[in-house]
Amino acid sequence: MSTLNTTFAGLRLSSPVIVGSCSLTANIDKLKEFQAAGAGAVVLKSLFEESISREISADPSLEEHPEAHDYISAFLSEKAVSDYLDLIRKAKSELSIPVIASIACCSDGKWEEFASRIEQAGADALELNVMSLCTRKDYKDGEFEKMHESIAAGVCSLVKIPVIIKLGANLSNPVALSDRLKARGAAAVVLFNRFYASDIDVDTLTFKPAEALTTGAELSGCLRWSGIISASVKGLDIAVSGGVKCWKGVAKALLSGAEAVEVASAIISKGAGWISEANEALKQWQDGKGFSSPADYTARMNASDPEMEERLLRTQFLKYFSEVH
């Protein structure tokens, strides 16, 4: 019988399926369900820089009493961080699988001071989700990427636990950035984070939330970049996040070069049972292929192979139609 044992960012996992950061991973009972179902690790619900800043700015009294601004701001920030540290401690006391803390940060310099406290609270790793859109007209090429590097370097210099960077899909060259993040101490990257989805109601002329959960169509872009990055940047682990809807998505991600997948939407839709079903089907597939573990086929179809490279680098849409018709 094959095993699903693998490693990601230096963490030993009993399965390549990691439960990604979502509302469910702030609940200890749910975390225990995920562990019982066979999750290799869990990423706790993110601590959002945006949310804390919004809570502070939403208090009108701070404008009327500017002398209180610093005090109230510090109090609200500390309260959010303190609550998050409590979640880490409780999760570590209840679980035996790796617990990965997560910070969604949109600026440089704010989160370094909390990294050591997160490590001291017992987190096995720290995922930094750099969520930002570049919209300034005076933007200079490379500024956005340099912010990623600065955040990674600052945090990696302060903690010994693995630091994982979750990237957005709005990058001009994820390969070059991944290589520089590795040079600054990052243990892994996650491909990719997902921005809040919005839609327009043409009847009311208002914005409304669009579909919040990922679709299978989002997996393709992740596979492309996983295959390219894993071949180019040695020693940097990869997790695919987005579009993994069944066990085949897990297998595809690993074949492309990822060591793990982060799954949230499928679990939100189908519950913890999705994990056990995916694990069982993946093991059956491994046995049928003669693989003893994920290590036997991870990166088997990445860009290291010239034939695979040609497929992954293909950009001509007309060629696609000539092949499928």
C-alpha atoms as a PDB file:
ATOM      1  CA  MET A   1       0.000   0.000   0.000  1.00  0.00           C
ATOM      2  CA  SER A   2       1.211   3.469  -0.807  1.00  0.00           C
ATOM      3  CA  THR A   3       1.470   6.335   1.652  1.00  0.00           C
ATOM      4  CA  LEU A   4       0.508   9.976   1.325  1.00  0.00           C
ATOM      5  CA  ASN A   5       3.317  11.119   3.623  1.00  0.00           C
ATOM      6  CA  THR A   6       5.140  14.139   2.216  1.00  0.00           C
ATOM      7  CA  THR A   7       6.864  17.353   3.265  1.00  0.00           C
ATOM      8  CA  PHE A   8       6.054  20.989   2.598  1.00  0.00           C
ATOM      9  CA  ALA A   9       8.078  23.990   3.788  1.00  0.00           C
ATOM     10  CA  GLY A  10      10.003  21.673   6.080  1.00  0.00           C
ATOM     11  CA  LEU A  11       6.812  20.353   7.708  1.00  0.00           C
ATOM     12  CA  ARG A  12       6.067  16.630   7.765  1.00  0.00           C
ATOM     13  CA  LEU A  13       2.576  15.996   6.426  1.00  0.00           C
ATOM     14  CA  SER A  14       0.499  12.809   6.475  1.00  0.00           C
ATOM     15  CA  SER A  15      -1.252  14.060   3.315  1.00  0.00           C
ATOM     16  CA  PRO A  16      -0.534  16.758   0.723  1.00  0.00           C
ATOM     17  CA  VAL A  17      -4.017  18.157   1.395  1.00  0.00           C
ATOM     18  CA  ILE A  18      -3.797  21.280   3.559  1.00  0.00           C
ATOM     19  CA  VAL A  19      -6.972  23.047   4.650  1.00  0.00           C
ATOM     20  CA  GLY A  20      -6.527  26.608   3.433  1.00  0.00           C
ATOM     21  CA  SER A  21      -7.282  29.737   5.424  1.00  0.00           C
ATOM     22  CA  CYS A  22     -11.024  30.405   5.607  1.00  0.00           C
ATOM     23  CA  SER A  23     -13.771  31.121   8.137  1.00  0.00           C
ATOM     24  CA  LEU A  24     -13.868  27.431   9.117  1.00  0.00           C
ATOM     25  CA  THR A  25     -10.249  27.416  10.265  1.00  0.00           C
ATOM     26  CA  ALA A  26     -11.014  29.855  13.080  1.00  0.00           C
ATOM     27  CA  ASN A  27     -13.142  27.166  14.756  1.00  0.00           C
ATOM     28  CA  ILE A  28     -11.345  24.607  16.937  1.00  0.00           C
ATOM     29  CA  ASP A  29     -14.053  21.959  16.525  1.00  0.00           C
ATOM     30  CA  LYS A  30     -13.797  22.268  12.748  1.00  0.00           C
ATOM     31  CA  LEU A  31     -10.012  22.032  12.907  1.00  0.00           C
ATOM     32  CA  LYS A  32     -10.346  18.767  14.833  1.00  0.00           C
ATOM     33  CA  GLU A  33     -12.779  17.486  12.178  1.00  0.00           C
ATOM     34  CA  PHE A  34     -10.267  18.287   9.454  1.00  0.00           C
ATOM     35  CA  GLN A  35      -7.527  16.458  11.316  1.00  0.00           C
ATOM     36  CA  ALA A  36      -9.745  13.412  11.846  1.00  0.00           C
ATOM     37  CA  ALA A  37     -10.602  13.416   8.131  1.00  0.00           C
ATOM     38  CA  GLY A  38      -6.908  13.220   7.221  1.00  0.00           C
ATOM     39  CA  ALA A  39      -5.761  16.787   6.538  1.00  0.00           C
ATOM     40  CA  GLY A  40      -1.995  17.094   6.373  1.00  0.00           C
ATOM     41  CA  ALA A  41      -2.039  20.544   7.999  1.00  0.00           C
ATOM     42  CA  VAL A  42      -4.315  23.525   8.563  1.00  0.00           C
ATOM     43  CA  VAL A  43      -3.864  27.224   7.823  1.00  0.00           C
ATOM     44  CA  LEU A  44      -5.660  29.298  10.420  1.00  0.00           C
ATOM     45  CA  LYS A  45      -8.042  32.040   9.329  1.00  0.00           C
ATOM     46  CA  SER A  46      -5.945  35.034   8.394  1.00  0.00           C
ATOM     47  CA  LEU A  47      -5.313  38.008  10.601  1.00  0.00           C
ATOM     48  CA  PHE A  48      -6.143  40.874   8.227  1.00  0.00           C
ATOM     49  CA  GLU A  49      -4.221  44.129   8.290  1.00  0.00           C
ATOM     50  CA  GLU A  50      -7.063  45.695   6.276  1.00  0.00           C
ATOM     51  CA  SER A  51      -9.697  44.687   8.826  1.00  0.00           C
ATOM     52  CA  ILE A  52      -7.824  46.171  11.759  1.00  0.00           C
ATOM     53  CA  SER A  53      -7.165  49.410   9.867  1.00  0.00           C
ATOM     54  CA  ARG A  54     -10.823  49.597   8.818  1.00  0.00           C
ATOM     55  CA  GLU A  55     -12.036  49.055  12.381  1.00  0.00           C
ATOM     56  CA  ILE A  56      -9.825  51.882  13.578  1.00  0.00           C
ATOM     57  CA  SER A  57     -10.847  54.294  10.806  1.00  0.00           C
ATOM     58  CA  ALA A  58     -14.547  53.468  11.271  1.00  0.00           C
ATOM     59  CA  ASP A  59     -14.599  55.048  14.731  1.00  0.00           C
ATOM     60  CA  PRO A  60     -15.688  58.707  14.178  1.00  0.00           C
ATOM     61  CA  SER A  61     -14.670  59.668  17.702  1.00  0.00           C
ATOM     62  CA  LEU A  62     -11.030  59.351  16.710  1.00  0.00           C
ATOM     63  CA  GLU A  63     -11.405  62.267  14.319  1.00  0.00           C
ATOM     64  CA  GLU A  64     -12.971  64.395  17.046  1.00  0.00           C
ATOM     65  CA  HIS A  65     -10.331  63.400  19.589  1.00  0.00           C
ATOM     66  CA  PRO A  66      -7.067  62.963  17.709  1.00  0.00           C
ATOM     67  CA  GLU A  67      -5.146  62.692  20.981  1.00  0.00           C
ATOM     68  CA  ALA A  68      -6.902  59.368  21.550  1.00  0.00           C
ATOM     69  CA  HIS A  69      -6.104  58.008  18.088  1.00  0.00           C
ATOM     70  CA  ASP A  70      -2.771  56.414  18.923  1.00  0.00           C
ATOM     71  CA  TYR A  71      -4.109  54.843  22.110  1.00  0.00           C
ATOM     72  CA  ILE A  72      -7.259  53.410  20.502  1.00  0.00           C
ATOM     73  CA  SER A  73      -5.357  52.238  17.428  1.00  0.00           C
ATOM     74  CA  ALA A  74      -2.832  50.421  19.578  1.00  0.00           C
ATOM     75  CA  PHE A  75      -5.611  48.878  21.689  1.00  0.00           C
ATOM     76  CA  LEU A  76      -7.570  47.557  18.701  1.00  0.00           C
ATOM     77  CA  SER A  77      -4.450  46.202  17.019  1.00  0.00           C
ATOM     78  CA  GLU A  78      -3.309  44.494  20.199  1.00  0.00           C
ATOM     79  CA  LYS A  79      -6.760  43.018  20.814  1.00  0.00           C
ATOM     80  CA  ALA A  80      -6.858  41.489  17.326  1.00  0.00           C
ATOM     81  CA  VAL A  81      -3.356  40.070  17.652  1.00  0.00           C
ATOM     82  CA  SER A  82      -3.994  38.783  21.186  1.00  0.00           C
ATOM     83  CA  ASP A  83      -7.134  36.958  20.069  1.00  0.00           C
ATOM     84  CA  TYR A  84      -5.185  35.441  17.187  1.00  0.00           C
ATOM     85  CA  LEU A  85      -2.394  34.237  19.447  1.00  0.00           C
ATOM     86  CA  ASP A  86      -5.024  32.561  21.634  1.00  0.00           C
ATOM     87  CA  LEU A  87      -6.360  30.746  18.556  1.00  0.00           C
ATOM     88  CA  ILE A  88      -2.853  29.486  17.738  1.00  0.00           C
ATOM     89  CA  ARG A  89      -2.285  28.232  21.286  1.00  0.00           C
ATOM     90  CA  LYS A  90      -5.628  26.460  21.429  1.00  0.00           C
ATOM     91  CA  ALA A  91      -5.156  24.875  18.023  1.00  0.00           C
ATOM     92  CA  LYS A  92      -1.712  23.614  18.999  1.00  0.00           C
ATOM     93  CA  SER A  93      -3.063  22.152  22.237  1.00  0.00           C
ATOM     94  CA  GLU A  94      -5.862  20.285  20.414  1.00  0.00           C
ATOM     95  CA  LEU A  95      -4.150  19.165  17.187  1.00  0.00           C
ATOM     96  CA  SER A  96      -1.217  16.933  16.319  1.00  0.00           C
ATOM     97  CA  ILE A  97      -0.911  18.051  12.676  1.00  0.00           C
ATOM     98  CA  PRO A  98       1.027  21.211  11.731  1.00  0.00           C
ATOM     99  CA  VAL A  99      -0.725  24.503  12.449  1.00  0.00           C
ATOM    100  CA  ILE A 100       0.164  27.314  10.042  1.00  0.00           C
ATOM    101  CA  ALA A 101      -0.615  30.882  11.085  1.00  0.00           C
ATOM    102  CA  SER A 102      -1.649  33.349   8.379  1.00  0.00           C
ATOM    103  CA  ILE A 103      -1.348  37.097   8.041  1.00  0.00           C
ATOM    104  CA  ALA A 104      -2.983  38.971   5.154  1.00  0.00           C
ATOM    105  CA  CYS A 105      -0.833  42.072   4.808  1.00  0.00           C
ATOM    106  CA  CYS A 106      -1.109  44.882   2.296  1.00  0.00           C
ATOM    107  CA  SER A 107       1.845  47.022   3.375  1.00  0.00           C
ATOM    108  CA  ASP A 108       5.430  46.635   4.475  1.00  0.00           C
ATOM    109  CA  GLY A 109       6.730  46.980   8.026  1.00  0.00           C
ATOM    110  CA  LYS A 110       3.609  46.471  10.137  1.00  0.00           C
ATOM    111  CA  TRP A 111       3.726  42.741  10.741  1.00  0.00           C
ATOM    112  CA  GLU A 112       7.341  42.026  11.544  1.00  0.00           C
ATOM    113  CA  GLU A 113       6.803  42.850  15.224  1.00  0.00           C
ATOM    114  CA  PHE A 114       4.061  40.204  15.474  1.00  0.00           C
ATOM    115  CA  ALA A 115       6.022  37.421  13.778  1.00  0.00           C
ATOM    116  CA  SER A 116       8.029  36.501  16.870  1.00  0.00           C
ATOM    117  CA  ARG A 117       4.882  36.439  19.008  1.00  0.00           C
ATOM    118  CA  ILE A 118       3.210  34.109  16.524  1.00  0.00           C
ATOM    119  CA  GLU A 119       6.250  31.823  16.695  1.00  0.00           C
ATOM    120  CA  GLN A 120       6.222  31.919  20.499  1.00  0.00           C
ATOM    121  CA  ALA A 121       2.525  31.024  20.521  1.00  0.00           C
ATOM    122  CA  GLY A 122       3.487  27.721  18.903  1.00  0.00           C
ATOM    123  CA  ALA A 123       2.689  28.089  15.195  1.00  0.00           C
ATOM    124  CA  ASP A 124       4.582  25.548  13.111  1.00  0.00           C
ATOM    125  CA  ALA A 125       4.894  27.963  10.179  1.00  0.00           C
ATOM    126  CA  LEU A 126       3.747  31.414   9.119  1.00  0.00           C
ATOM    127  CA  GLU A 127       2.017  32.168   5.835  1.00  0.00           C
ATOM    128  CA  LEU A 128       2.170  35.770   4.631  1.00  0.00           C
ATOM    129  CA  ASN A 129      -0.607  36.565   2.200  1.00  0.00           C
ATOM    130  CA  VAL A 130       0.458  39.732   0.389  1.00  0.00           C
ATOM    131  CA  MET A 131      -2.827  41.143  -0.924  1.00  0.00           C
ATOM    132  CA  SER A 132      -2.635  44.381  -2.845  1.00  0.00           C
ATOM    133  CA  LEU A 133      -3.509  45.945  -6.191  1.00  0.00           C
ATOM    134  CA  CYS A 134      -1.105  48.319  -7.938  1.00  0.00           C
ATOM    135  CA  THR A 135      -3.182  51.261  -9.144  1.00  0.00           C
ATOM    136  CA  ARG A 136      -0.934  54.321  -8.712  1.00  0.00           C
ATOM    137  CA  LYS A 137      -0.040  56.253 -11.841  1.00  0.00           C
ATOM    138  CA  ASP A 138       3.359  57.063 -10.373  1.00  0.00           C
ATOM    139  CA  TYR A 139       4.113  53.380  -9.776  1.00  0.00           C
ATOM    140  CA  LYS A 140       7.680  52.432 -10.607  1.00  0.00           C
ATOM    141  CA  ASP A 141       8.369  49.053 -12.158  1.00  0.00           C
ATOM    142  CA  GLY A 142       9.263  46.482  -9.533  1.00  0.00           C
ATOM    143  CA  GLU A 143       7.922  48.338  -6.468  1.00  0.00           C
ATOM    144  CA  PHE A 144       5.217  45.752  -5.825  1.00  0.00           C
ATOM    145  CA  GLU A 145       7.673  42.859  -6.014  1.00  0.00           C
ATOM    146  CA  LYS A 146      10.132  44.688  -3.769  1.00  0.00           C
ATOM    147  CA  MET A 147       7.407  44.989  -1.131  1.00  0.00           C
ATOM    148  CA  HIS A 148       7.081  41.184  -1.140  1.00  0.00           C
ATOM    149  CA  GLU A 149      10.839  40.852  -0.762  1.00  0.00           C
ATOM    150  CA  SER A 150      11.005  43.392   2.053  1.00  0.00           C
ATOM    151  CA  ILE A 151       8.208  41.719   4.003  1.00  0.00           C
ATOM    152  CA  ALA A 152       9.773  38.278   3.544  1.00  0.00           C
ATOM    153  CA  ALA A 153      13.261  39.427   4.525  1.00  0.00           C
ATOM    154  CA  GLY A 154      12.019  41.256   7.616  1.00  0.00           C
ATOM    155  CA  VAL A 155       9.953  38.355   8.924  1.00  0.00           C
ATOM    156  CA  CYS A 156      12.504  35.662   8.041  1.00  0.00           C
ATOM    157  CA  SER A 157      15.154  37.542   9.996  1.00  0.00           C
ATOM    158  CA  LEU A 158      13.027  37.372  13.146  1.00  0.00           C
ATOM    159  CA  VAL A 159      11.682  33.817  13.226  1.00  0.00           C
ATOM    160  CA  LYS A 160      13.039  30.308  12.872  1.00  0.00           C
ATOM    161  CA  ILE A 161       9.785  28.690  11.793  1.00  0.00           C
ATOM    162  CA  PRO A 162       9.220  28.309   8.030  1.00  0.00           C
ATOM    163  CA  VAL A 163       7.881  31.404   6.283  1.00  0.00           C
ATOM    164  CA  ILE A 164       5.515  30.825   3.363  1.00  0.00           C
ATOM    165  CA  ILE A 165       4.550  33.592   0.933  1.00  0.00           C
ATOM    166  CA  LYS A 166       1.150  33.412  -0.744  1.00  0.00           C
ATOM    167  CA  LEU A 167       1.370  35.205  -4.069  1.00  0.00           C
ATOM    168  CA  GLY A 168      -1.275  36.927  -6.125  1.00  0.00           C
ATOM    169  CA  ALA A 169      -1.807  36.112  -9.781  1.00  0.00           C
ATOM    170  CA  ASN A 170      -1.200  39.783 -10.708  1.00  0.00           C
ATOM    171  CA  LEU A 171       2.574  39.436 -11.067  1.00  0.00           C
ATOM    172  CA  SER A 172       4.537  40.002 -14.251  1.00  0.00           C
ATOM    173  CA  ASN A 173       7.126  37.311 -13.455  1.00  0.00           C
ATOM    174  CA  PRO A 174       6.321  34.905 -10.586  1.00  0.00           C
ATOM    175  CA  VAL A 175       9.512  32.935 -11.348  1.00  0.00           C
ATOM    176  CA  ALA A 176      11.898  35.816 -10.693  1.00  0.00           C
ATOM    177  CA  LEU A 177      10.012  36.901  -7.588  1.00  0.00           C
ATOM    178  CA  SER A 178       9.910  33.341  -6.225  1.00  0.00           C
ATOM    179  CA  ASP A 179      13.677  33.070  -6.686  1.00  0.00           C
ATOM    180  CA  ARG A 180      14.270  36.337  -4.816  1.00  0.00           C
ATOM    181  CA  LEU A 181      11.886  35.308  -2.018  1.00  0.00           C
ATOM    182  CA  LYS A 182      13.847  32.082  -1.588  1.00  0.00           C
ATOM    183  CA  ALA A 183      17.069  34.102  -1.398  1.00  0.00           C
ATOM    184  CA  ARG A 184      15.509  36.143   1.421  1.00  0.00           C
ATOM    185  CA  GLY A 185      14.620  33.082   3.448  1.00  0.00           C
ATOM    186  CA  ALA A 186      11.171  31.984   2.291  1.00  0.00           C
ATOM    187  CA  ALA A 187      10.609  28.235   2.543  1.00  0.00           C
ATOM    188  CA  ALA A 188       7.685  28.053   0.122  1.00  0.00           C
ATOM    189  CA  VAL A 189       5.244  29.962  -2.037  1.00  0.00           C
ATOM    190  CA  VAL A 190       1.513  29.399  -2.523  1.00  0.00           C
ATOM    191  CA  LEU A 191      -0.072  29.906  -5.957  1.00  0.00           C
ATOM    192  CA  PHE A 192      -2.311  31.945  -5.825  1.00  0.00           C
ATOM    193  CA  ASN A 193      -4.354  34.096  -3.438  1.00  0.00           C
ATOM    194  CA  ARG A 194      -7.807  35.193  -4.572  1.00  0.00           C
ATOM    195  CA  PHE A 195      -9.105  38.734  -4.409  1.00  0.00           C
ATOM    196  CA  TYR A 196     -12.579  39.575  -3.200  1.00  0.00           C
ATOM    197  CA  ALA A 197     -14.912  38.947  -6.130  1.00  0.00           C
ATOM    198  CA  SER A 198     -17.477  41.613  -6.993  1.00  0.00           C
ATOM    199  CA  ASP A 199     -20.195  41.999  -9.584  1.00  0.00           C
ATOM    200  CA  ILE A 200     -22.543  44.780 -10.730  1.00  0.00           C
ATOM    201  CA  ASP A 201     -26.294  44.660 -10.325  1.00  0.00           C
ATOM    202  CA  VAL A 202     -27.600  46.408 -13.451  1.00  0.00           C
ATOM    203  CA  ASP A 203     -31.066  46.870 -11.923  1.00  0.00           C
ATOM    204  CA  THR A 204     -30.004  48.653  -8.745  1.00  0.00           C
ATOM    205  CA  LEU A 205     -26.740  50.066 -10.164  1.00  0.00           C
ATOM    206  CA  THR A 206     -24.829  48.791  -7.145  1.00  0.00           C
ATOM    207  CA  PHE A 207     -21.946  46.473  -6.567  1.00  0.00           C
ATOM    208  CA  LYS A 208     -22.763  43.042  -5.180  1.00  0.00           C
ATOM    209  CA  PRO A 209     -20.629  40.072  -4.126  1.00  0.00           C
ATOM    210  CA  ALA A 210     -19.774  37.663  -6.935  1.00  0.00           C
ATOM    211  CA  GLU A 211     -19.190  33.940  -6.486  1.00  0.00           C
ATOM    212  CA  ALA A 212     -16.944  33.613  -3.447  1.00  0.00           C
ATOM    213  CA  LEU A 213     -15.780  30.043  -4.038  1.00  0.00           C
ATOM    214  CA  THR A 214     -13.188  29.046  -6.603  1.00  0.00           C
ATOM    215  CA  THR A 215     -14.028  27.062  -9.711  1.00  0.00           C
ATOM    216  CA  GLY A 216     -12.129  24.261 -11.421  1.00  0.00           C
ATOM    217  CA  ALA A 217     -11.166  26.670 -14.197  1.00  0.00           C
ATOM    218  CA  GLU A 218      -8.759  28.440 -11.830  1.00  0.00           C
ATOM    219  CA  LEU A 219      -6.542  25.366 -11.514  1.00  0.00           C
ATOM    220  CA  SER A 220      -5.026  25.753 -14.983  1.00  0.00           C
ATOM    221  CA  GLY A 221      -3.055  28.918 -14.204  1.00  0.00           C
ATOM    222  CA  CYS A 222      -1.760  27.431 -10.964  1.00  0.00           C
ATOM    223  CA  LEU A 223      -0.549  24.302 -12.772  1.00  0.00           C
ATOM    224  CA  ARG A 224       1.253  26.376 -15.388  1.00  0.00           C
ATOM    225  CA  TRP A 225       3.233  28.405 -12.868  1.00  0.00           C
ATOM    226  CA  SER A 226       3.831  25.499 -10.516  1.00  0.00           C
ATOM    227  CA  GLY A 227       5.349  23.598 -13.423  1.00  0.00           C
ATOM    228  CA  ILE A 228       7.543  26.508 -14.462  1.00  0.00           C
ATOM    229  CA  ILE A 229       8.641  27.699 -11.003  1.00  0.00           C
ATOM    230  CA  SER A 230       9.425  24.212  -9.673  1.00  0.00           C
ATOM    231  CA  ALA A 231      11.749  23.622 -12.621  1.00  0.00           C
ATOM    232  CA  SER A 232      13.511  26.975 -12.300  1.00  0.00           C
ATOM    233  CA  VAL A 233      13.734  27.656  -8.551  1.00  0.00           C
ATOM    234  CA  LYS A 234      15.273  24.690  -6.776  1.00  0.00           C
ATOM    235  CA  GLY A 235      14.822  24.309  -3.033  1.00  0.00           C
ATOM    236  CA  LEU A 236      11.611  26.326  -2.838  1.00  0.00           C
ATOM    237  CA  ASP A 237       8.457  24.352  -2.079  1.00  0.00           C
ATOM    238  CA  ILE A 238       5.149  25.141  -3.770  1.00  0.00           C
ATOM    239  CA  ALA A 239       1.515  24.720  -2.777  1.00  0.00           C
ATOM    240  CA  VAL A 240      -1.297  25.135  -5.278  1.00  0.00           C
ATOM    241  CA  SER A 241      -4.340  27.037  -4.060  1.00  0.00           C
ATOM    242  CA  GLY A 242      -7.374  27.564  -6.269  1.00  0.00           C
ATOM    243  CA  GLY A 243      -9.409  25.228  -8.416  1.00  0.00           C
ATOM    244  CA  VAL A 244      -8.730  21.935  -6.625  1.00  0.00           C
ATOM    245  CA  LYS A 245     -12.198  20.391  -6.634  1.00  0.00           C
ATOM    246  CA  CYS A 246     -11.415  16.643  -6.371  1.00  0.00           C
ATOM    247  CA  TRP A 247      -8.535  14.203  -5.885  1.00  0.00           C
ATOM    248  CA  LYS A 248      -7.491  14.641  -9.505  1.00  0.00           C
ATOM    249  CA  GLY A 249      -6.727  18.289  -8.778  1.00  0.00           C
ATOM    250  CA  VAL A 250      -4.389  17.171  -5.997  1.00  0.00           C
ATOM    251  CA  ALA A 251      -2.634  14.714  -8.315  1.00  0.00           C
ATOM    252  CA  LYS A 252      -2.315  17.309 -11.080  1.00  0.00           C
ATOM    253  CA  ALA A 253      -0.836  19.876  -8.689  1.00  0.00           C
ATOM    254  CA  LEU A 254       1.801  17.433  -7.489  1.00  0.00           C
ATOM    255  CA  LEU A 255       2.619  16.248 -11.002  1.00  0.00           C
ATOM    256  CA  SER A 256       3.178  19.886 -12.006  1.00  0.00           C
ATOM    257  CA  GLY A 257       5.724  20.413  -9.233  1.00  0.00           C
ATOM    258  CA  ALA A 258       3.786  21.342  -6.084  1.00  0.00           C
ATOM    259  CA  GLU A 259       4.436  19.552  -2.802  1.00  0.00           C
ATOM    260  CA  ALA A 260       0.952  20.263  -1.448  1.00  0.00           C
ATOM    261  CA  VAL A 261      -2.409  21.876  -2.142  1.00  0.00           C
ATOM    262  CA  GLU A 262      -4.377  24.316  -0.024  1.00  0.00           C
ATOM    263  CA  VAL A 263      -8.090  23.608  -0.308  1.00  0.00           C
ATOM    264  CA  ALA A 264     -10.914  25.732   1.105  1.00  0.00           C
ATOM    265  CA  SER A 265     -13.800  26.093  -1.359  1.00  0.00           C
ATOM    266  CA  ALA A 266     -14.326  22.344  -1.848  1.00  0.00           C
ATOM    267  CA  ILE A 267     -14.296  21.790   1.910  1.00  0.00           C
ATOM    268  CA  ILE A 268     -16.674  24.696   2.536  1.00  0.00           C
ATOM    269  CA  SER A 269     -19.037  23.153  -0.024  1.00  0.00           C
ATOM    270  CA  LYS A 270     -18.741  19.481   0.933  1.00  0.00           C
ATOM    271  CA  GLY A 271     -17.408  19.399   4.478  1.00  0.00           C
ATOM    272  CA  ALA A 272     -14.512  17.563   6.075  1.00  0.00           C
ATOM    273  CA  GLY A 273     -15.528  14.354   4.325  1.00  0.00           C
ATOM    274  CA  TRP A 274     -14.076  15.790   1.111  1.00  0.00           C
ATOM    275  CA  ILE A 275     -10.592  15.355   2.605  1.00  0.00           C
ATOM    276  CA  SER A 276     -10.952  11.654   3.406  1.00  0.00           C
ATOM    277  CA  GLU A 277     -12.527  10.964   0.006  1.00  0.00           C
ATOM    278  CA  ALA A 278      -9.728  12.802  -1.804  1.00  0.00           C
ATOM    279  CA  ASN A 279      -7.039  11.018   0.224  1.00  0.00           C
ATOM    280  CA  GLU A 280      -8.527   7.582  -0.431  1.00  0.00           C
ATOM    281  CA  ALA A 281      -8.923   8.187  -4.161  1.00  0.00           C
ATOM    282  CA  LEU A 282      -5.387   9.592  -4.396  1.00  0.00           C
ATOM    283  CA  LYS A 283      -3.982   6.485  -2.676  1.00  0.00           C
ATOM    284  CA  GLN A 284      -5.875   4.200  -5.024  1.00  0.00           C
ATOM    285  CA  TRP A 285      -4.517   6.120  -8.019  1.00  0.00           C
ATOM    286  CA  GLN A 286      -0.968   5.911  -6.612  1.00  0.00           C
ATOM    287  CA  ASP A 287      -1.300   2.159  -6.125  1.00  0.00           C
ATOM    288  CA  GLY A 288      -2.607   1.746  -9.662  1.00  0.00           C
ATOM    289  CA  LYS A 289       0.345   3.710 -11.060  1.00  0.00           C
ATOM    290  CA  GLY A 290       2.887   1.887  -8.911  1.00  0.00           C
ATOM    291  CA  PHE A 291       3.824   4.994  -6.926  1.00  0.00           C
ATOM    292  CA  SER A 292       4.732   4.396  -3.290  1.00  0.00           C
ATOM    293  CA  SER A 293       4.341   8.049  -2.192  1.00  0.00           C
ATOM    294  CA  PRO A 294       3.909  11.571  -3.606  1.00  0.00           C
ATOM    295  CA  ALA A 295       7.695  11.844  -3.852  1.00  0.00           C
ATOM    296  CA  ASP A 296       7.586   9.346  -6.745  1.00  0.00           C
ATOM    297  CA  TYR A 297       5.640  11.679  -9.009  1.00  0.00           C
ATOM    298  CA  THR A 298       6.007  15.221  -7.646  1.00  0.00           C
ATOM    299  CA  ALA A 299       7.304  17.458 -10.491  1.00  0.00           C
ATOM    300  CA  ARG A 300       7.157  14.519 -12.929  1.00  0.00           C
ATOM    301  CA  MET A 301       5.458  16.830 -15.444  1.00  0.00           C
ATOM    302  CA  ASN A 302       7.135  20.165 -14.750  1.00  0.00           C
ATOM    303  CA  ALA A 303       9.145  22.294 -17.167  1.00  0.00           C
ATOM    304  CA  SER A 304      12.390  20.361 -16.548  1.00  0.00           C
ATOM    305  CA  ASP A 305      11.261  18.087 -19.375  1.00  0.00           C
ATOM    306  CA  PRO A 306      11.544  19.935 -22.732  1.00  0.00           C
ATOM    307  CA  GLU A 307       8.284  18.431 -23.956  1.00  0.00           C
ATOM    308  CA  MET A 308       6.458  19.550 -20.805  1.00  0.00           C
ATOM    309  CA  GLU A 309       8.153  22.946 -20.959  1.00  0.00           C
ATOM    310  CA  GLU A 310       6.794  23.505 -24.465  1.00  0.00           C
ATOM    311  CA  ARG A 311       3.283  22.804 -23.190  1.00  0.00           C
ATOM    312  CA  LEU A 312       3.607  24.999 -20.118  1.00  0.00           C
ATOM    313  CA  LEU A 313       5.089  27.957 -22.007  1.00  0.00           C
ATOM    314  CA  ARG A 314       2.595  27.805 -24.848  1.00  0.00           C
ATOM    315  CA  THR A 315       0.723  31.080 -25.264  1.00  0.00           C
ATOM    316  CA  GLN A 316      -0.783  30.701 -28.731  1.00  0.00           C
ATOM    317  CA  PHE A 317      -4.528  30.312 -28.438  1.00  0.00           C
ATOM    318  CA  LEU A 318      -4.958  29.245 -32.083  1.00  0.00           C
ATOM    319  CA  LYS A 319      -2.710  26.249 -31.487  1.00  0.00           C
ATOM    320  CA  TYR A 320      -5.072  25.136 -28.758  1.00  0.00           C
ATOM    321  CA  PHE A 321      -8.017  25.094 -31.116  1.00  0.00           C
ATOM    322  CA  SER A 322      -6.039  23.259 -33.789  1.00  0.00           C
ATOM    323  CA  GLU A 323      -5.410  20.466 -31.265  1.00  0.00           C
ATOM    324  CA  VAL A 324      -8.906  20.050 -29.830  1.00  0.00           C
ATOM    325  CA  HIS A 325     -10.870  20.253 -33.102  1.00  0.00           C
END
